[in-house]
Amino acid sequence: MLKLNKDSAVGTFVIIIAFCLVCSVLVSSAVVALGPFQQAAIANDRQVNILKVSGYDVETTVADTYAKHIEARMLDVASGNLVPEMQAQADGYNFASAAKQAGASEAIPADKDLAKIRSRSKLMPIYIAKDDNGTPTRIILPFYGQALWSTAYGYLALSTDANTVEGIVFYSHGETPGLGGEIDNPRWQAIWQGKKLENADGEYALNITKVPDREGPRKDFDVDALSGATLTSNGVNNAVHYWFGDAYKPFLDNLRKGEILK
């Protein structure tokens, strides 16, 4: 048997390779072992944020409250119809990943791409908040778009009239703390409550603006822009406009006709 000279170039190379292999095995084992915990953490974070705009406080645990009051459904965005056969996959559906996959995504024409995301998933999960009797109380829809430094992801809750905002929350973004990061400020998010998506003529009217109309005809549609964060405000405004004025419009129209929540 040949004896390896550890001080030689070959010996050093063999030791490095062996060390790398051992480290690779350890890292791979750690990833596999921690996978379930990571998925549980992701699910918990999603449930926490959906509950924030659901109108229901956590009672015993997040998971129990979520199971009691939230029902996930899958939406075909283009038609505005639910896809019953996909309901089991709705909760936790990775629409951001699907938006990059051929066959699962749809390109957005440049003149309509207000959110600057280029493409979106053909299917989107939606969440129906229900009271103790199972009666729908709010519709919670995910949305996202390019802000200043990052893609901002959030949920917007509507009343069952499919027009009145009940709440908004952001669960992922990379905006500057104290400036664009103020989209996380509960005081700013509270301003959204009661605002309307469409006016009496059925035109999309919700708008984030530096000079909100608090007493006139636009008081139900204007949201105060963030101080010192104009570009982040514009990005959020454009993202909400794309999703709720265009992408989700077929679904919202169906809701207003009473064709979804029967």
Protein backbone atom coordinates (compact mmCIF):
# COMPACT_ATOMS: atom_id res chain seq x y z
CA MET A 1 0.00 0.00 0.00
CA LEU A 2 1.32 3.40 -0.99
CA LYS A 3 1.81 5.83 1.84
CA LEU A 4 0.49 9.31 1.23
CA ASN A 5 3.03 12.06 1.77
CA LYS A 6 0.91 14.74 3.40
CA ASP A 7 3.56 17.38 2.77
CA SER A 8 3.58 16.84 -0.98
CA ALA A 9 1.43 18.73 -3.44
CA VAL A 10 -0.60 15.59 -4.12
CA GLY A 11 -1.07 14.94 -0.41
CA THR A 12 -2.23 18.49 0.22
CA PHE A 13 -4.69 18.25 -2.68
CA VAL A 14 -6.12 14.94 -1.41
CA ILE A 15 -6.60 16.36 2.10
CA ILE A 16 -8.38 19.44 0.73
CA ILE A 17 -10.69 17.27 -1.37
CA ALA A 18 -11.47 15.01 1.59
CA PHE A 19 -12.17 18.02 3.81
CA CYS A 20 -14.50 19.52 1.21
CA LEU A 21 -16.39 16.24 0.86
CA VAL A 22 -16.88 15.96 4.61
CA CYS A 23 -18.11 19.56 4.80
CA SER A 24 -20.49 18.98 1.88
CA VAL A 25 -21.99 15.95 3.60
CA LEU A 26 -22.42 17.89 6.85
CA VAL A 27 -24.05 20.87 5.12
CA SER A 28 -26.36 18.65 3.05
CA SER A 29 -27.38 16.72 6.16
CA ALA A 30 -28.09 19.97 7.99
CA VAL A 31 -30.25 21.26 5.12
CA VAL A 32 -32.27 18.04 5.03
CA ALA A 33 -32.65 17.96 8.81
CA LEU A 34 -33.67 21.63 9.08
CA GLY A 35 -35.98 21.56 6.05
CA PRO A 36 -39.19 20.77 7.97
CA PHE A 37 -38.42 23.47 10.54
CA GLN A 38 -37.81 26.02 7.79
CA GLN A 39 -41.08 25.16 6.05
CA ALA A 40 -42.93 25.39 9.37
CA ALA A 41 -41.43 28.84 9.98
CA ILE A 42 -42.46 30.02 6.49
CA ALA A 43 -46.00 28.73 7.03
CA ASN A 44 -46.22 30.42 10.42
CA ASP A 45 -45.03 33.74 8.99
CA ARG A 46 -47.61 33.54 6.20
CA GLN A 47 -50.39 32.74 8.65
CA VAL A 48 -49.38 35.57 11.01
CA ASN A 49 -49.48 38.15 8.21
CA ILE A 50 -52.77 36.93 6.77
CA LEU A 51 -54.34 37.02 10.22
CA LYS A 52 -53.13 40.62 10.66
CA VAL A 53 -55.54 41.74 7.95
CA SER A 54 -58.23 39.14 8.57
CA GLY A 55 -59.97 40.97 11.40
CA TYR A 56 -59.39 38.07 13.80
CA ASP A 57 -56.99 38.11 16.73
CA VAL A 58 -54.96 35.02 17.61
CA GLU A 59 -56.99 33.05 20.13
CA THR A 60 -54.98 30.03 21.26
CA THR A 61 -52.27 29.53 18.66
CA VAL A 62 -51.62 31.04 15.25
CA ALA A 63 -52.21 27.70 13.54
CA ASP A 64 -55.51 27.06 15.34
CA THR A 65 -56.84 30.56 14.68
CA TYR A 66 -55.80 30.35 11.04
CA ALA A 67 -57.49 26.96 10.60
CA LYS A 68 -60.67 28.30 12.21
CA HIS A 69 -61.01 31.56 10.29
CA ILE A 70 -59.05 31.30 7.02
CA GLU A 71 -59.81 29.27 3.93
CA ALA A 72 -57.29 29.25 1.07
CA ARG A 73 -58.58 28.94 -2.49
CA MET A 74 -56.84 28.90 -5.87
CA LEU A 75 -57.69 31.55 -8.43
CA ASP A 76 -57.29 31.49 -12.19
CA VAL A 77 -56.31 35.13 -12.61
CA ALA A 78 -57.26 35.62 -16.25
CA SER A 79 -60.81 34.28 -15.92
CA GLY A 80 -61.41 35.48 -12.37
CA ASN A 81 -62.76 32.05 -11.43
CA LEU A 82 -61.74 29.75 -8.60
CA VAL A 83 -60.13 26.41 -9.42
CA PRO A 84 -61.70 23.88 -7.01
CA GLU A 85 -59.47 21.00 -8.09
CA MET A 86 -56.40 23.03 -7.03
CA GLN A 87 -57.68 24.07 -3.62
CA ALA A 88 -55.44 21.61 -1.78
CA GLN A 89 -52.37 23.34 -3.27
CA ALA A 90 -53.56 26.89 -2.64
CA ASP A 91 -52.25 27.49 0.87
CA GLY A 92 -48.56 28.26 0.49
CA TYR A 93 -48.58 28.19 -3.31
CA ASN A 94 -45.30 29.76 -4.46
CA PHE A 95 -46.64 32.24 -7.00
CA ALA A 96 -43.34 34.14 -7.13
CA SER A 97 -41.56 31.01 -8.35
CA ALA A 98 -44.40 30.10 -10.72
CA ALA A 99 -44.16 33.56 -12.28
CA LYS A 100 -40.74 32.58 -13.66
CA GLN A 101 -41.76 29.20 -15.01
CA ALA A 102 -42.83 28.62 -18.60
CA GLY A 103 -46.34 27.24 -18.71
CA ALA A 104 -47.17 28.42 -15.20
CA SER A 105 -46.71 32.12 -15.95
CA GLU A 106 -48.09 34.80 -18.21
CA ALA A 107 -46.13 37.73 -19.61
CA ILE A 108 -47.45 41.18 -18.78
CA PRO A 109 -47.53 43.66 -21.67
CA ALA A 110 -45.11 46.52 -21.04
CA ASP A 111 -47.86 49.15 -21.16
CA LYS A 112 -49.77 47.34 -18.39
CA ASP A 113 -46.83 46.35 -16.22
CA LEU A 114 -47.26 49.07 -13.60
CA ALA A 115 -45.80 46.77 -10.94
CA LYS A 116 -42.66 46.19 -13.04
CA ILE A 117 -42.69 42.43 -12.51
CA ARG A 118 -42.73 41.44 -16.22
CA SER A 119 -44.71 38.25 -15.68
CA ARG A 120 -47.08 36.76 -13.14
CA SER A 121 -48.31 33.34 -12.18
CA LYS A 122 -51.43 32.18 -13.97
CA LEU A 123 -52.72 30.95 -10.63
CA MET A 124 -52.78 32.91 -7.38
CA PRO A 125 -53.78 31.82 -3.90
CA ILE A 126 -56.51 33.88 -2.29
CA TYR A 127 -57.72 33.73 1.30
CA ILE A 128 -61.27 33.99 2.60
CA ALA A 129 -61.68 35.09 6.21
CA LYS A 130 -64.76 33.59 7.89
CA ASP A 131 -66.55 34.15 11.16
CA ASP A 132 -67.42 31.45 13.68
CA ASN A 133 -70.42 30.43 11.57
CA GLY A 134 -68.37 30.10 8.38
CA THR A 135 -69.75 33.29 6.83
CA PRO A 136 -67.18 35.13 4.68
CA THR A 137 -66.15 38.48 6.14
CA ARG A 138 -63.09 39.53 4.14
CA ILE A 139 -61.21 38.55 0.98
CA ILE A 140 -57.42 38.64 1.33
CA LEU A 141 -55.34 38.90 -1.84
CA PRO A 142 -51.56 38.75 -2.22
CA PHE A 143 -49.86 41.39 -4.36
CA TYR A 144 -46.34 42.54 -5.12
CA GLY A 145 -44.35 44.97 -7.19
CA GLN A 146 -41.11 46.87 -7.50
CA ALA A 147 -40.65 49.60 -4.90
CA LEU A 148 -37.43 51.65 -4.68
CA TRP A 149 -34.79 49.10 -3.65
CA SER A 150 -36.71 45.87 -3.66
CA THR A 151 -39.77 43.93 -4.65
CA ALA A 152 -42.37 44.52 -1.94
CA TYR A 153 -44.76 41.66 -1.15
CA GLY A 154 -47.97 42.14 0.78
CA TYR A 155 -51.58 41.21 1.42
CA LEU A 156 -54.56 43.50 0.97
CA ALA A 157 -57.89 42.63 2.58
CA LEU A 158 -61.21 43.70 1.10
CA SER A 159 -64.68 43.56 2.54
CA THR A 160 -67.12 41.23 0.81
CA ASP A 161 -68.31 44.13 -1.36
CA ALA A 162 -64.99 43.62 -3.20
CA ASN A 163 -64.37 47.36 -3.12
CA THR A 164 -63.63 48.51 0.45
CA VAL A 165 -60.11 48.10 1.84
CA GLU A 166 -60.10 46.54 5.31
CA GLY A 167 -56.35 46.24 5.79
CA ILE A 168 -52.92 46.00 4.24
CA VAL A 169 -49.67 44.42 5.39
CA PHE A 170 -46.24 43.84 3.85
CA TYR A 171 -44.36 40.66 4.66
CA SER A 172 -41.20 41.04 2.57
CA HIS A 173 -39.28 44.02 1.22
CA GLY A 174 -35.86 45.67 1.35
CA GLU A 175 -36.83 49.32 1.66
CA THR A 176 -34.79 51.79 3.75
CA PRO A 177 -35.66 51.73 7.46
CA GLY A 178 -37.24 54.99 8.56
CA LEU A 179 -38.07 55.98 4.99
CA GLY A 180 -39.54 53.49 2.53
CA GLY A 181 -39.49 50.94 5.35
CA GLU A 182 -42.39 52.88 6.88
CA ILE A 183 -44.71 50.79 4.74
CA ASP A 184 -44.54 48.52 7.79
CA ASN A 185 -45.76 51.29 10.11
CA PRO A 186 -49.19 50.33 11.52
CA ARG A 187 -50.22 54.01 11.55
CA TRP A 188 -49.67 54.29 7.80
CA GLN A 189 -51.34 50.96 7.14
CA ALA A 190 -54.36 52.11 9.18
CA ILE A 191 -54.91 54.99 6.73
CA TRP A 192 -55.87 52.43 4.08
CA GLN A 193 -58.83 51.10 6.02
CA GLY A 194 -62.12 52.21 4.50
CA LYS A 195 -60.61 53.40 1.21
CA LYS A 196 -62.35 52.34 -2.00
CA LEU A 197 -60.84 50.68 -5.07
CA GLU A 198 -63.39 51.93 -7.61
CA ASN A 199 -65.59 54.98 -7.91
CA ALA A 200 -69.31 55.00 -8.70
CA ASP A 201 -68.54 54.70 -12.41
CA GLY A 202 -66.59 51.48 -11.90
CA GLU A 203 -63.23 53.13 -12.58
CA TYR A 204 -60.17 52.29 -10.51
CA ALA A 205 -59.59 55.30 -8.25
CA LEU A 206 -57.43 54.31 -5.25
CA ASN A 207 -54.28 56.45 -5.19
CA ILE A 208 -51.31 57.20 -2.94
CA THR A 209 -50.66 60.92 -3.11
CA LYS A 210 -48.64 63.68 -1.43
CA VAL A 211 -51.70 65.92 -1.23
CA PRO A 212 -54.60 63.72 -0.13
CA ASP A 213 -58.14 65.03 -0.37
CA ARG A 214 -59.55 64.54 3.13
CA GLU A 215 -62.85 66.36 2.72
CA GLY A 216 -63.66 66.49 -0.99
CA PRO A 217 -64.79 63.96 -3.60
CA ARG A 218 -61.56 61.96 -3.43
CA LYS A 219 -61.46 61.47 0.33
CA ASP A 220 -62.53 57.83 -0.03
CA PHE A 221 -59.77 57.05 -2.53
CA ASP A 222 -56.66 59.01 -1.46
CA VAL A 223 -53.96 57.50 0.77
CA ASP A 224 -51.23 59.72 2.21
CA ALA A 225 -47.81 59.16 0.59
CA LEU A 226 -44.95 58.29 2.93
CA SER A 227 -42.95 61.33 4.00
CA GLY A 228 -39.48 61.30 2.42
CA ALA A 229 -40.20 58.11 0.49
CA THR A 230 -41.83 59.23 -2.74
CA LEU A 231 -40.37 56.46 -4.90
CA THR A 232 -41.40 53.72 -2.47
CA SER A 233 -44.90 55.23 -2.28
CA ASN A 234 -45.06 55.32 -6.08
CA GLY A 235 -43.95 51.70 -6.29
CA VAL A 236 -46.59 50.52 -3.84
CA ASN A 237 -49.20 52.64 -5.59
CA ASN A 238 -48.33 51.10 -8.95
CA ALA A 239 -48.28 47.56 -7.56
CA VAL A 240 -51.72 47.93 -5.97
CA HIS A 241 -53.03 49.58 -9.16
CA TYR A 242 -51.79 46.71 -11.33
CA TRP A 243 -53.14 43.92 -9.17
CA PHE A 244 -56.46 45.46 -8.09
CA GLY A 245 -57.16 47.60 -11.13
CA ASP A 246 -56.14 45.03 -13.73
CA ALA A 247 -54.99 41.51 -12.77
CA TYR A 248 -57.65 40.85 -10.13
CA LYS A 249 -60.40 42.84 -11.86
CA PRO A 250 -62.17 39.80 -13.42
CA PHE A 251 -62.24 38.15 -9.98
CA LEU A 252 -63.44 41.30 -8.23
CA ASP A 253 -66.15 41.79 -10.85
CA ASN A 254 -67.32 38.22 -10.25
CA LEU A 255 -67.37 38.88 -6.52
CA ARG A 256 -69.51 42.00 -6.99
CA LYS A 257 -71.95 39.97 -9.06
CA GLY A 258 -72.24 37.45 -6.23
CA GLU A 259 -70.79 34.67 -8.36
CA ILE A 260 -68.04 33.59 -5.94
CA LEU A 261 -69.23 33.72 -2.33
CA LYS A 262 -72.46 31.71 -2.52
